[in-house]
Amino acid sequence: MKKYLTRLTPNFNKWEKPSGRDGKCGLDIKSPYEGINGFGWEEWFLNDYHNPKNQLEGYCYGFIQAFHKRNKAQKKIARLYLYTKVCINKRKLNFYLGYIDNVEVLKHPFTQKELINKKNSFCKQSEKDLKNEHIDGYQKDLVEMCSEDTLFNVRFKTCDVHIKDFDFQKRPIKMIKGQARFGLYDLDKHTNLMTEIKKYE
C-alpha cells in the first residue's frame, strides 16, 4: 500500500471550523498563508465528517494544501497520514493526527449540480465562520477559491477516517529540516517519518 504524509493548518475545533490565530505559524511577510491571514483553508477539512448531513452520497469533501494546483497526477491515495505544526511563541512543534484511506483527488471545475450547490453553501458558511473569528482580508481569496472550485480538492468516506481522538498534542513527532512544509511526503522515501508515525499506530 502506497503511503503519504501531509500537513494540515493547526486547528483546535477538530477541523470542523476555524479556531482563530492560536497556534498559527509565522508573523511576517515570509510566513505561510496561515501566518499572514490568521487561518488556513484546511480548517474545515473534517466539517463533513462531523456533520454527516453535509455529505454527498456518503462522501466527505475537503481541502488539502498539498493538492492545491499541484500533485494532480495523483488520483487516489491509498493511505494519507496527517500531521499539524503548532507554533507557540518561538517554539514549533509537530503532531501526528491519524490517517485516511482511499482519498480521492478531485478534478475541476465541478459539473455535478449537487456538488455545485454544496460548494455554494459552503462558501457562504465559511464567510460567516471567518467573521465569527474576527478574521479580515479573506474576501478576495474566498471569491477566487469559490470561482475555481478549489475549496474542495479531495473526498473520502467516513469509514476510512482513522483519527483516534483530537487531543493531538499527546502525539508529538520529530521531523528533519525541510520536511515540516505543506508538501506531500512519500513515506517510502521519508522513512524517518514512518518511524515517527509507528510510535502511535
N, C-alpha and C. Protein backbone atom coordinates (compact mmCIF):
# COMPACT_ATOMS: atom_id res chain seq x y z
N MET A 1 0.85 -1.20 0.00
CA MET A 1 0.00 0.00 0.00
C MET A 1 0.88 1.25 0.00
N LYS A 2 0.66 2.13 -0.98
CA LYS A 2 1.43 3.37 -1.06
C LYS A 2 0.94 4.34 0.01
N LYS A 3 1.90 4.91 0.75
CA LYS A 3 1.54 5.78 1.87
C LYS A 3 2.22 7.13 1.75
N TYR A 4 1.47 8.18 2.11
CA TYR A 4 1.98 9.54 2.08
C TYR A 4 1.65 10.24 3.39
N LEU A 5 2.36 11.34 3.62
CA LEU A 5 2.09 12.20 4.78
C LEU A 5 1.96 13.63 4.30
N THR A 6 1.01 14.36 4.86
CA THR A 6 0.90 15.79 4.55
C THR A 6 0.42 16.55 5.78
N ARG A 7 0.57 17.86 5.71
CA ARG A 7 0.30 18.73 6.86
C ARG A 7 -1.03 19.47 6.72
N LEU A 8 -1.70 19.64 7.85
CA LEU A 8 -2.88 20.49 7.93
C LEU A 8 -2.56 21.70 8.80
N THR A 9 -3.18 22.82 8.48
CA THR A 9 -3.10 24.01 9.33
C THR A 9 -3.55 23.65 10.75
N PRO A 10 -2.91 24.16 11.79
CA PRO A 10 -3.35 23.83 13.15
C PRO A 10 -4.77 24.33 13.42
N ASN A 11 -5.50 23.54 14.17
CA ASN A 11 -6.89 23.86 14.45
C ASN A 11 -7.26 23.25 15.79
N PHE A 12 -8.05 23.99 16.58
CA PHE A 12 -8.47 23.50 17.89
C PHE A 12 -9.97 23.28 17.95
N ASN A 13 -10.62 23.17 16.78
CA ASN A 13 -12.04 22.85 16.68
C ASN A 13 -12.25 21.56 15.90
N LYS A 14 -11.30 20.63 16.00
CA LYS A 14 -11.40 19.32 15.35
C LYS A 14 -11.51 19.42 13.83
N TRP A 15 -11.01 20.51 13.25
CA TRP A 15 -11.02 20.77 11.81
C TRP A 15 -12.47 20.78 11.26
N GLU A 16 -13.37 21.24 12.12
CA GLU A 16 -14.77 21.42 11.71
C GLU A 16 -15.01 22.85 11.24
N LYS A 17 -14.33 23.79 11.87
CA LYS A 17 -14.43 25.21 11.52
C LYS A 17 -13.20 25.92 12.06
N PRO A 18 -12.93 27.14 11.63
CA PRO A 18 -11.71 27.85 12.06
C PRO A 18 -11.66 28.05 13.57
N SER A 19 -10.45 28.08 14.09
CA SER A 19 -10.28 28.26 15.53
C SER A 19 -9.46 29.50 15.87
N GLY A 20 -9.29 30.41 14.92
CA GLY A 20 -8.58 31.65 15.22
C GLY A 20 -7.08 31.55 15.01
N ARG A 21 -6.38 32.56 15.47
CA ARG A 21 -4.94 32.67 15.21
C ARG A 21 -4.06 31.81 16.12
N ASP A 22 -4.61 31.26 17.19
CA ASP A 22 -3.80 30.47 18.12
C ASP A 22 -3.11 29.31 17.39
N GLY A 23 -1.81 29.18 17.61
CA GLY A 23 -1.07 28.07 17.05
C GLY A 23 -0.60 28.24 15.63
N LYS A 24 -1.06 29.31 14.96
CA LYS A 24 -0.66 29.52 13.57
C LYS A 24 0.80 29.95 13.50
N CYS A 25 1.48 29.49 12.46
CA CYS A 25 2.92 29.73 12.33
C CYS A 25 3.21 30.94 11.45
N GLY A 26 4.14 31.78 11.91
CA GLY A 26 4.59 32.90 11.09
C GLY A 26 4.02 34.23 11.54
N LEU A 27 4.85 35.23 11.51
CA LEU A 27 4.43 36.57 11.94
C LEU A 27 4.83 37.66 10.95
N ASP A 28 5.38 37.28 9.79
CA ASP A 28 5.85 38.30 8.85
C ASP A 28 5.47 37.93 7.42
N ILE A 29 5.91 38.72 6.46
CA ILE A 29 5.51 38.54 5.06
C ILE A 29 6.02 37.24 4.48
N LYS A 30 7.06 36.64 5.08
CA LYS A 30 7.59 35.37 4.61
C LYS A 30 6.87 34.17 5.24
N SER A 31 5.87 34.45 6.03
CA SER A 31 5.12 33.41 6.72
C SER A 31 4.31 32.59 5.71
N PRO A 32 3.90 31.38 6.13
CA PRO A 32 2.93 30.65 5.31
C PRO A 32 1.59 31.39 5.34
N TYR A 33 0.68 30.96 4.49
CA TYR A 33 -0.64 31.59 4.35
C TYR A 33 -1.31 31.78 5.71
N GLU A 34 -1.26 30.75 6.53
CA GLU A 34 -1.94 30.82 7.84
C GLU A 34 -1.39 31.93 8.72
N GLY A 35 -0.07 32.19 8.62
CA GLY A 35 0.54 33.23 9.44
C GLY A 35 0.16 34.62 8.99
N ILE A 36 0.05 34.79 7.68
CA ILE A 36 -0.30 36.09 7.11
C ILE A 36 -1.78 36.40 7.32
N ASN A 37 -2.63 35.38 7.13
CA ASN A 37 -4.07 35.59 7.13
C ASN A 37 -4.79 35.18 8.42
N GLY A 38 -4.12 34.42 9.26
CA GLY A 38 -4.73 34.01 10.52
C GLY A 38 -5.62 32.79 10.43
N PHE A 39 -5.61 32.13 9.28
CA PHE A 39 -6.38 30.89 9.11
C PHE A 39 -5.83 30.15 7.90
N GLY A 40 -6.25 28.90 7.74
CA GLY A 40 -5.93 28.12 6.55
C GLY A 40 -7.19 27.44 6.05
N TRP A 41 -7.24 27.17 4.75
CA TRP A 41 -8.46 26.58 4.18
C TRP A 41 -8.69 25.15 4.63
N GLU A 42 -7.68 24.52 5.22
CA GLU A 42 -7.86 23.16 5.74
C GLU A 42 -8.70 23.14 7.02
N GLU A 43 -8.98 24.29 7.58
CA GLU A 43 -9.66 24.31 8.89
C GLU A 43 -11.07 23.74 8.86
N TRP A 44 -11.64 23.57 7.66
CA TRP A 44 -12.95 22.93 7.51
C TRP A 44 -12.81 21.51 6.99
N PHE A 45 -11.59 20.98 6.99
CA PHE A 45 -11.29 19.70 6.34
C PHE A 45 -12.23 18.58 6.79
N LEU A 46 -12.57 18.52 8.07
CA LEU A 46 -13.42 17.45 8.60
C LEU A 46 -14.83 17.92 8.94
N ASN A 47 -15.26 19.01 8.33
CA ASN A 47 -16.60 19.52 8.57
C ASN A 47 -17.66 18.48 8.20
N ASP A 48 -17.52 17.87 7.04
CA ASP A 48 -18.50 16.85 6.61
C ASP A 48 -18.42 15.61 7.50
N TYR A 49 -17.24 15.29 7.96
CA TYR A 49 -17.05 14.13 8.83
C TYR A 49 -17.84 14.32 10.13
N HIS A 50 -17.80 15.53 10.67
CA HIS A 50 -18.52 15.83 11.92
C HIS A 50 -20.00 16.11 11.68
N ASN A 51 -20.37 16.40 10.44
CA ASN A 51 -21.76 16.76 10.10
C ASN A 51 -22.22 15.91 8.92
N PRO A 52 -22.61 14.66 9.16
CA PRO A 52 -22.98 13.74 8.08
C PRO A 52 -24.05 14.26 7.13
N LYS A 53 -24.90 15.18 7.61
CA LYS A 53 -25.95 15.72 6.74
C LYS A 53 -25.36 16.51 5.57
N ASN A 54 -24.11 16.94 5.71
CA ASN A 54 -23.47 17.72 4.64
C ASN A 54 -22.80 16.84 3.59
N GLN A 55 -22.73 15.53 3.85
CA GLN A 55 -22.05 14.63 2.91
C GLN A 55 -22.88 14.41 1.65
N LEU A 56 -22.20 14.06 0.57
CA LEU A 56 -22.86 13.73 -0.69
C LEU A 56 -22.58 12.28 -1.02
N GLU A 57 -23.63 11.48 -1.08
CA GLU A 57 -23.52 10.07 -1.42
C GLU A 57 -22.48 9.36 -0.55
N GLY A 58 -22.45 9.74 0.72
CA GLY A 58 -21.55 9.10 1.67
C GLY A 58 -20.13 9.61 1.67
N TYR A 59 -19.86 10.65 0.89
CA TYR A 59 -18.51 11.21 0.81
C TYR A 59 -18.38 12.52 1.58
N CYS A 60 -17.24 12.66 2.27
CA CYS A 60 -16.84 13.92 2.89
C CYS A 60 -15.95 14.66 1.89
N TYR A 61 -16.15 15.96 1.77
CA TYR A 61 -15.35 16.79 0.86
C TYR A 61 -14.51 17.77 1.68
N GLY A 62 -13.28 17.98 1.26
CA GLY A 62 -12.41 18.89 1.99
C GLY A 62 -11.28 19.44 1.14
N PHE A 63 -10.45 20.24 1.78
CA PHE A 63 -9.32 20.89 1.13
C PHE A 63 -8.02 20.49 1.81
N ILE A 64 -7.01 20.15 1.00
CA ILE A 64 -5.67 19.87 1.49
C ILE A 64 -4.70 20.68 0.63
N GLN A 65 -3.86 21.47 1.29
CA GLN A 65 -2.94 22.35 0.57
C GLN A 65 -2.03 21.59 -0.40
N ALA A 66 -1.64 20.38 -0.06
CA ALA A 66 -0.73 19.60 -0.92
C ALA A 66 -1.32 19.32 -2.30
N PHE A 67 -2.64 19.43 -2.44
CA PHE A 67 -3.29 19.18 -3.73
C PHE A 67 -3.85 20.45 -4.36
N HIS A 68 -3.45 21.60 -3.83
CA HIS A 68 -3.91 22.88 -4.39
C HIS A 68 -3.00 23.27 -5.56
N LYS A 69 -3.48 23.02 -6.76
CA LYS A 69 -2.77 23.35 -8.00
C LYS A 69 -1.45 22.59 -8.15
N ARG A 70 -1.34 21.45 -7.50
CA ARG A 70 -0.15 20.59 -7.64
C ARG A 70 -0.51 19.17 -7.25
N ASN A 71 0.41 18.25 -7.53
CA ASN A 71 0.20 16.82 -7.26
C ASN A 71 -1.09 16.30 -7.89
N LYS A 72 -1.46 16.88 -9.02
CA LYS A 72 -2.72 16.49 -9.67
C LYS A 72 -2.61 15.15 -10.40
N ALA A 73 -1.39 14.65 -10.57
CA ALA A 73 -1.24 13.33 -11.19
C ALA A 73 -1.77 12.24 -10.27
N GLN A 74 -1.84 12.57 -8.99
CA GLN A 74 -2.39 11.64 -8.01
C GLN A 74 -3.91 11.60 -8.16
N LYS A 75 -4.45 10.41 -8.36
CA LYS A 75 -5.90 10.27 -8.48
C LYS A 75 -6.52 9.73 -7.20
N LYS A 76 -5.80 8.82 -6.56
CA LYS A 76 -6.29 8.24 -5.32
C LYS A 76 -5.10 7.87 -4.45
N ILE A 77 -5.16 8.28 -3.19
CA ILE A 77 -4.11 7.99 -2.23
C ILE A 77 -4.60 6.84 -1.35
N ALA A 78 -3.89 5.72 -1.39
CA ALA A 78 -4.33 4.54 -0.64
C ALA A 78 -4.37 4.83 0.86
N ARG A 79 -3.33 5.51 1.37
CA ARG A 79 -3.33 5.90 2.78
C ARG A 79 -2.62 7.23 2.93
N LEU A 80 -3.32 8.21 3.47
CA LEU A 80 -2.77 9.55 3.66
C LEU A 80 -2.70 9.83 5.16
N TYR A 81 -1.47 9.89 5.67
CA TYR A 81 -1.25 10.25 7.06
C TYR A 81 -1.25 11.77 7.19
N LEU A 82 -1.71 12.25 8.34
CA LEU A 82 -1.86 13.68 8.56
C LEU A 82 -1.12 14.13 9.82
N TYR A 83 -0.55 15.32 9.74
CA TYR A 83 0.07 15.92 10.93
C TYR A 83 -0.20 17.41 10.89
N THR A 84 0.05 18.07 12.00
CA THR A 84 -0.08 19.52 12.05
C THR A 84 1.12 20.12 12.76
N LYS A 85 1.40 21.35 12.44
CA LYS A 85 2.53 22.07 13.02
C LYS A 85 1.97 23.24 13.82
N VAL A 86 2.25 23.25 15.12
CA VAL A 86 1.73 24.29 16.00
C VAL A 86 2.90 25.18 16.44
N CYS A 87 2.69 26.49 16.33
CA CYS A 87 3.72 27.45 16.74
C CYS A 87 3.26 28.19 17.99
N ILE A 88 4.07 28.13 19.03
CA ILE A 88 3.78 28.83 20.29
C ILE A 88 5.00 29.69 20.59
N ASN A 89 4.83 30.99 20.46
CA ASN A 89 5.96 31.93 20.56
C ASN A 89 7.02 31.50 19.54
N LYS A 90 8.21 31.15 19.97
CA LYS A 90 9.25 30.75 19.03
C LYS A 90 9.38 29.23 18.91
N ARG A 91 8.54 28.51 19.61
CA ARG A 91 8.56 27.04 19.54
C ARG A 91 7.70 26.55 18.39
N LYS A 92 8.22 25.59 17.63
CA LYS A 92 7.49 24.98 16.53
C LYS A 92 7.42 23.48 16.79
N LEU A 93 6.21 22.97 16.97
CA LEU A 93 6.01 21.59 17.36
C LEU A 93 5.14 20.87 16.34
N ASN A 94 5.54 19.65 15.97
CA ASN A 94 4.78 18.85 15.01
C ASN A 94 4.07 17.72 15.73
N PHE A 95 2.81 17.48 15.33
CA PHE A 95 1.99 16.47 15.99
C PHE A 95 1.30 15.58 14.95
N TYR A 96 1.30 14.29 15.23
CA TYR A 96 0.64 13.31 14.37
C TYR A 96 -0.86 13.29 14.68
N LEU A 97 -1.70 13.26 13.63
CA LEU A 97 -3.15 13.27 13.80
C LEU A 97 -3.77 11.89 13.62
N GLY A 98 -3.40 11.21 12.55
CA GLY A 98 -4.02 9.94 12.19
C GLY A 98 -3.92 9.78 10.68
N TYR A 99 -4.78 8.94 10.11
CA TYR A 99 -4.71 8.75 8.66
C TYR A 99 -6.10 8.54 8.06
N ILE A 100 -6.17 8.70 6.75
CA ILE A 100 -7.39 8.46 5.98
C ILE A 100 -7.03 7.58 4.80
N ASP A 101 -7.80 6.54 4.60
CA ASP A 101 -7.58 5.64 3.47
C ASP A 101 -8.44 6.08 2.27
N ASN A 102 -7.99 5.70 1.09
CA ASN A 102 -8.76 5.88 -0.15
C ASN A 102 -9.18 7.33 -0.38
N VAL A 103 -8.23 8.24 -0.29
CA VAL A 103 -8.50 9.66 -0.51
C VAL A 103 -8.48 9.95 -2.01
N GLU A 104 -9.58 10.44 -2.55
CA GLU A 104 -9.67 10.76 -3.97
C GLU A 104 -9.31 12.22 -4.20
N VAL A 105 -8.46 12.47 -5.18
CA VAL A 105 -8.09 13.83 -5.56
C VAL A 105 -9.05 14.28 -6.66
N LEU A 106 -9.74 15.40 -6.43
CA LEU A 106 -10.81 15.85 -7.33
C LEU A 106 -10.29 16.67 -8.50
N LYS A 107 -11.03 16.56 -9.60
CA LYS A 107 -10.74 17.36 -10.79
C LYS A 107 -11.70 18.54 -10.84
N HIS A 108 -11.28 19.64 -11.43
CA HIS A 108 -12.11 20.84 -11.51
C HIS A 108 -12.23 21.28 -12.96
N PRO A 109 -13.27 22.04 -13.31
CA PRO A 109 -14.36 22.51 -12.44
C PRO A 109 -15.40 21.43 -12.19
N PHE A 110 -16.25 21.67 -11.18
CA PHE A 110 -17.32 20.73 -10.88
C PHE A 110 -18.46 20.90 -11.89
N THR A 111 -19.09 19.79 -12.23
CA THR A 111 -20.25 19.84 -13.13
C THR A 111 -21.50 19.24 -12.49
N GLN A 112 -21.32 18.45 -11.43
CA GLN A 112 -22.44 17.83 -10.74
C GLN A 112 -23.23 18.89 -9.98
N LYS A 113 -24.53 18.97 -10.26
CA LYS A 113 -25.38 20.01 -9.67
C LYS A 113 -25.33 20.01 -8.15
N GLU A 114 -25.44 18.82 -7.54
CA GLU A 114 -25.45 18.72 -6.08
C GLU A 114 -24.13 19.22 -5.49
N LEU A 115 -23.03 18.97 -6.19
CA LEU A 115 -21.73 19.39 -5.70
C LEU A 115 -21.55 20.90 -5.84
N ILE A 116 -22.07 21.45 -6.92
CA ILE A 116 -22.02 22.91 -7.10
C ILE A 116 -22.82 23.59 -6.00
N ASN A 117 -24.01 23.05 -5.70
CA ASN A 117 -24.83 23.62 -4.63
C ASN A 117 -24.14 23.50 -3.27
N LYS A 118 -23.47 22.37 -3.05
CA LYS A 118 -22.74 22.17 -1.80
C LYS A 118 -21.63 23.19 -1.67
N LYS A 119 -20.91 23.41 -2.75
CA LYS A 119 -19.82 24.39 -2.74
C LYS A 119 -20.36 25.78 -2.43
N ASN A 120 -21.45 26.17 -3.07
CA ASN A 120 -22.02 27.50 -2.85
C ASN A 120 -22.47 27.68 -1.40
N SER A 121 -23.07 26.66 -0.83
CA SER A 121 -23.48 26.73 0.58
C SER A 121 -22.27 26.85 1.48
N PHE A 122 -21.22 26.09 1.15
CA PHE A 122 -20.02 26.13 1.96
C PHE A 122 -19.35 27.50 1.90
N CYS A 123 -19.34 28.13 0.73
CA CYS A 123 -18.73 29.45 0.58
C CYS A 123 -19.41 30.46 1.50
N LYS A 124 -20.73 30.39 1.59
CA LYS A 124 -21.48 31.30 2.47
C LYS A 124 -21.18 31.01 3.94
N GLN A 125 -21.14 29.72 4.30
CA GLN A 125 -20.89 29.35 5.68
C GLN A 125 -19.48 29.70 6.12
N SER A 126 -18.51 29.48 5.23
CA SER A 126 -17.11 29.76 5.58
C SER A 126 -16.91 31.25 5.83
N GLU A 127 -17.62 32.10 5.10
CA GLU A 127 -17.52 33.54 5.31
C GLU A 127 -18.05 33.90 6.70
N LYS A 128 -19.16 33.29 7.10
CA LYS A 128 -19.70 33.53 8.44
C LYS A 128 -18.73 33.07 9.51
N ASP A 129 -18.14 31.90 9.29
CA ASP A 129 -17.20 31.35 10.28
C ASP A 129 -15.99 32.25 10.45
N LEU A 130 -15.48 32.80 9.36
CA LEU A 130 -14.32 33.68 9.42
C LEU A 130 -14.66 34.99 10.14
N LYS A 131 -15.84 35.51 9.88
CA LYS A 131 -16.28 36.73 10.57
C LYS A 131 -16.41 36.48 12.06
N ASN A 132 -16.92 35.30 12.43
CA ASN A 132 -17.07 34.96 13.85
C ASN A 132 -15.73 34.90 14.57
N GLU A 133 -14.66 34.57 13.82
CA GLU A 133 -13.32 34.52 14.41
C GLU A 133 -12.58 35.84 14.24
N HIS A 134 -13.27 36.85 13.73
CA HIS A 134 -12.71 38.19 13.54
C HIS A 134 -11.49 38.18 12.61
N ILE A 135 -11.59 37.33 11.58
CA ILE A 135 -10.55 37.26 10.55
C ILE A 135 -10.91 38.24 9.44
N ASP A 136 -9.95 39.05 9.02
CA ASP A 136 -10.17 40.04 7.96
C ASP A 136 -9.30 39.72 6.75
N GLY A 137 -9.66 40.31 5.62
CA GLY A 137 -8.81 40.24 4.44
C GLY A 137 -8.90 38.95 3.64
N TYR A 138 -9.91 38.14 3.90
CA TYR A 138 -10.06 36.86 3.21
C TYR A 138 -10.92 36.96 1.95
N GLN A 139 -11.62 38.08 1.76
CA GLN A 139 -12.66 38.17 0.75
C GLN A 139 -12.17 37.85 -0.67
N LYS A 140 -11.04 38.43 -1.06
CA LYS A 140 -10.52 38.20 -2.42
C LYS A 140 -10.20 36.73 -2.64
N ASP A 141 -9.54 36.12 -1.67
CA ASP A 141 -9.19 34.70 -1.79
C ASP A 141 -10.42 33.81 -1.79
N LEU A 142 -11.43 34.16 -1.00
CA LEU A 142 -12.66 33.38 -0.96
C LEU A 142 -13.34 33.39 -2.32
N VAL A 143 -13.41 34.55 -2.95
CA VAL A 143 -14.01 34.64 -4.28
C VAL A 143 -13.23 33.78 -5.27
N GLU A 144 -11.91 33.85 -5.21
CA GLU A 144 -11.07 33.06 -6.13
C GLU A 144 -11.24 31.57 -5.89
N MET A 145 -11.20 31.17 -4.63
CA MET A 145 -11.30 29.74 -4.31
C MET A 145 -12.66 29.18 -4.70
N CYS A 146 -13.71 29.98 -4.53
CA CYS A 146 -15.05 29.53 -4.89
C CYS A 146 -15.23 29.48 -6.41
N SER A 147 -14.70 30.45 -7.10
CA SER A 147 -14.86 30.50 -8.56
C SER A 147 -14.07 29.38 -9.25
N GLU A 148 -12.96 28.97 -8.65
CA GLU A 148 -12.15 27.91 -9.22
C GLU A 148 -12.51 26.53 -8.67
N ASP A 149 -13.52 26.46 -7.81
CA ASP A 149 -13.95 25.20 -7.19
C ASP A 149 -12.87 24.57 -6.32
N THR A 150 -11.88 25.32 -5.90
CA THR A 150 -10.75 24.69 -5.21
C THR A 150 -10.90 24.61 -3.69
N LEU A 151 -12.04 25.00 -3.17
CA LEU A 151 -12.26 24.82 -1.73
C LEU A 151 -12.48 23.35 -1.39
N PHE A 152 -12.83 22.54 -2.39
CA PHE A 152 -12.88 21.09 -2.24
C PHE A 152 -11.89 20.51 -3.24
N ASN A 153 -10.86 19.84 -2.78
CA ASN A 153 -9.96 19.18 -3.74
C ASN A 153 -9.73 17.71 -3.44
N VAL A 154 -10.36 17.21 -2.35
CA VAL A 154 -10.32 15.78 -2.05
C VAL A 154 -11.67 15.34 -1.50
N ARG A 155 -11.89 14.03 -1.57
CA ARG A 155 -13.07 13.46 -0.92
C ARG A 155 -12.71 12.07 -0.38
N PHE A 156 -13.48 11.64 0.61
CA PHE A 156 -13.21 10.37 1.28
C PHE A 156 -14.45 9.97 2.06
N LYS A 157 -14.51 8.72 2.49
CA LYS A 157 -15.66 8.24 3.25
C LYS A 157 -15.37 8.22 4.75
N THR A 158 -16.42 8.42 5.52
CA THR A 158 -16.28 8.46 6.98
C THR A 158 -15.60 7.20 7.52
N CYS A 159 -15.95 6.05 6.97
CA CYS A 159 -15.40 4.79 7.46
C CYS A 159 -13.90 4.67 7.23
N ASP A 160 -13.34 5.52 6.36
CA ASP A 160 -11.91 5.48 6.06
C ASP A 160 -11.09 6.45 6.90
N VAL A 161 -11.77 7.20 7.77
CA VAL A 161 -11.07 8.16 8.64
C VAL A 161 -10.61 7.44 9.90
N HIS A 162 -9.32 7.48 10.16
CA HIS A 162 -8.75 6.80 11.33
C HIS A 162 -7.99 7.83 12.19
N ILE A 163 -8.76 8.63 12.89
CA ILE A 163 -8.21 9.58 13.85
C ILE A 163 -8.80 9.18 15.20
N LYS A 164 -7.96 8.67 16.06
CA LYS A 164 -8.44 8.08 17.32
C LYS A 164 -9.09 9.11 18.22
N ASP A 165 -8.48 10.28 18.30
CA ASP A 165 -9.05 11.38 19.08
C ASP A 165 -8.38 12.65 18.59
N PHE A 166 -8.88 13.78 19.06
CA PHE A 166 -8.36 15.05 18.58
C PHE A 166 -7.47 15.74 19.61
N ASP A 167 -7.04 14.99 20.59
CA ASP A 167 -6.08 15.51 21.56
C ASP A 167 -4.68 15.24 21.00
N PHE A 168 -4.41 15.89 19.86
CA PHE A 168 -3.20 15.56 19.10
C PHE A 168 -1.91 15.96 19.81
N GLN A 169 -1.99 16.84 20.79
CA GLN A 169 -0.75 17.26 21.47
C GLN A 169 -0.14 16.15 22.32
N LYS A 170 -0.83 15.00 22.40
CA LYS A 170 -0.26 13.83 23.06
C LYS A 170 0.61 13.02 22.09
N ARG A 171 0.65 13.44 20.81
CA ARG A 171 1.34 12.65 19.80
C ARG A 171 2.39 13.48 19.04
N PRO A 172 3.42 13.95 19.73
CA PRO A 172 4.47 14.72 19.04
C PRO A 172 5.30 13.82 18.12
N ILE A 173 5.76 14.40 17.02
CA ILE A 173 6.67 13.68 16.12
C ILE A 173 7.86 14.58 15.79
N LYS A 174 8.97 13.95 15.48
CA LYS A 174 10.18 14.68 15.11
C LYS A 174 10.35 14.64 13.60
N MET A 175 10.67 15.80 13.03
CA MET A 175 10.90 15.90 11.60
C MET A 175 12.25 16.56 11.38
N ILE A 176 12.87 16.24 10.25
CA ILE A 176 14.16 16.85 9.95
C ILE A 176 13.95 18.13 9.15
N LYS A 177 14.98 18.96 9.08
CA LYS A 177 14.90 20.25 8.39
C LYS A 177 14.40 20.08 6.96
N GLY A 178 13.43 20.91 6.59
CA GLY A 178 12.88 20.87 5.24
C GLY A 178 11.65 20.01 5.08
N GLN A 179 11.30 19.23 6.12
CA GLN A 179 10.14 18.34 5.98
C GLN A 179 8.83 18.97 6.45
N ALA A 180 8.89 19.89 7.40
CA ALA A 180 7.66 20.40 8.02
C ALA A 180 6.99 21.48 7.16
N ARG A 181 6.71 21.14 5.92
CA ARG A 181 6.06 22.07 4.99
C ARG A 181 4.76 21.45 4.50
N PHE A 182 4.04 22.22 3.66
CA PHE A 182 2.76 21.72 3.15
C PHE A 182 2.98 20.88 1.89
N GLY A 183 3.91 19.94 1.96
CA GLY A 183 4.19 19.08 0.83
C GLY A 183 3.48 17.74 0.96
N LEU A 184 3.73 16.87 -0.01
CA LEU A 184 3.20 15.52 0.00
C LEU A 184 4.41 14.59 0.10
N TYR A 185 4.58 13.95 1.24
CA TYR A 185 5.78 13.17 1.51
C TYR A 185 5.54 11.69 1.27
N ASP A 186 6.28 11.13 0.33
CA ASP A 186 6.25 9.70 0.04
C ASP A 186 6.99 9.00 1.18
N LEU A 187 6.30 8.16 1.93
CA LEU A 187 6.90 7.56 3.11
C LEU A 187 7.87 6.43 2.79
N ASP A 188 7.89 5.99 1.53
CA ASP A 188 8.93 5.04 1.11
C ASP A 188 10.28 5.76 1.03
N LYS A 189 10.24 7.06 0.80
CA LYS A 189 11.46 7.85 0.69
C LYS A 189 11.81 8.54 2.01
N HIS A 190 10.79 8.97 2.73
CA HIS A 190 10.99 9.66 4.00
C HIS A 190 10.76 8.66 5.14
N THR A 191 11.67 7.72 5.26
CA THR A 191 11.48 6.62 6.20
C THR A 191 11.50 7.07 7.66
N ASN A 192 12.17 8.18 7.95
CA ASN A 192 12.17 8.68 9.34
C ASN A 192 10.77 9.07 9.79
N LEU A 193 9.95 9.54 8.86
CA LEU A 193 8.58 9.94 9.20
C LEU A 193 7.73 8.71 9.52
N MET A 194 7.93 7.64 8.77
CA MET A 194 7.18 6.41 9.04
C MET A 194 7.55 5.87 10.41
N THR A 195 8.81 6.00 10.77
CA THR A 195 9.25 5.57 12.10
C THR A 195 8.54 6.36 13.19
N GLU A 196 8.38 7.67 12.98
CA GLU A 196 7.68 8.51 13.96
C GLU A 196 6.20 8.12 14.07
N ILE A 197 5.57 7.87 12.94
CA ILE A 197 4.16 7.50 12.93
C ILE A 197 3.92 6.19 13.67
N LYS A 198 4.82 5.24 13.50
CA LYS A 198 4.66 3.92 14.10
C LYS A 198 4.63 3.96 15.63
N LYS A 199 5.09 5.05 16.20
CA LYS A 199 5.03 5.19 17.66
C LYS A 199 3.58 5.18 18.16
N TYR A 200 2.66 5.58 17.28
CA TYR A 200 1.27 5.79 17.69
C TYR A 200 0.29 4.85 16.98
N GLU A 201 0.78 3.98 16.13
CA GLU A 201 -0.11 3.07 15.40
C GLU A 201 -0.06 1.66 16.00
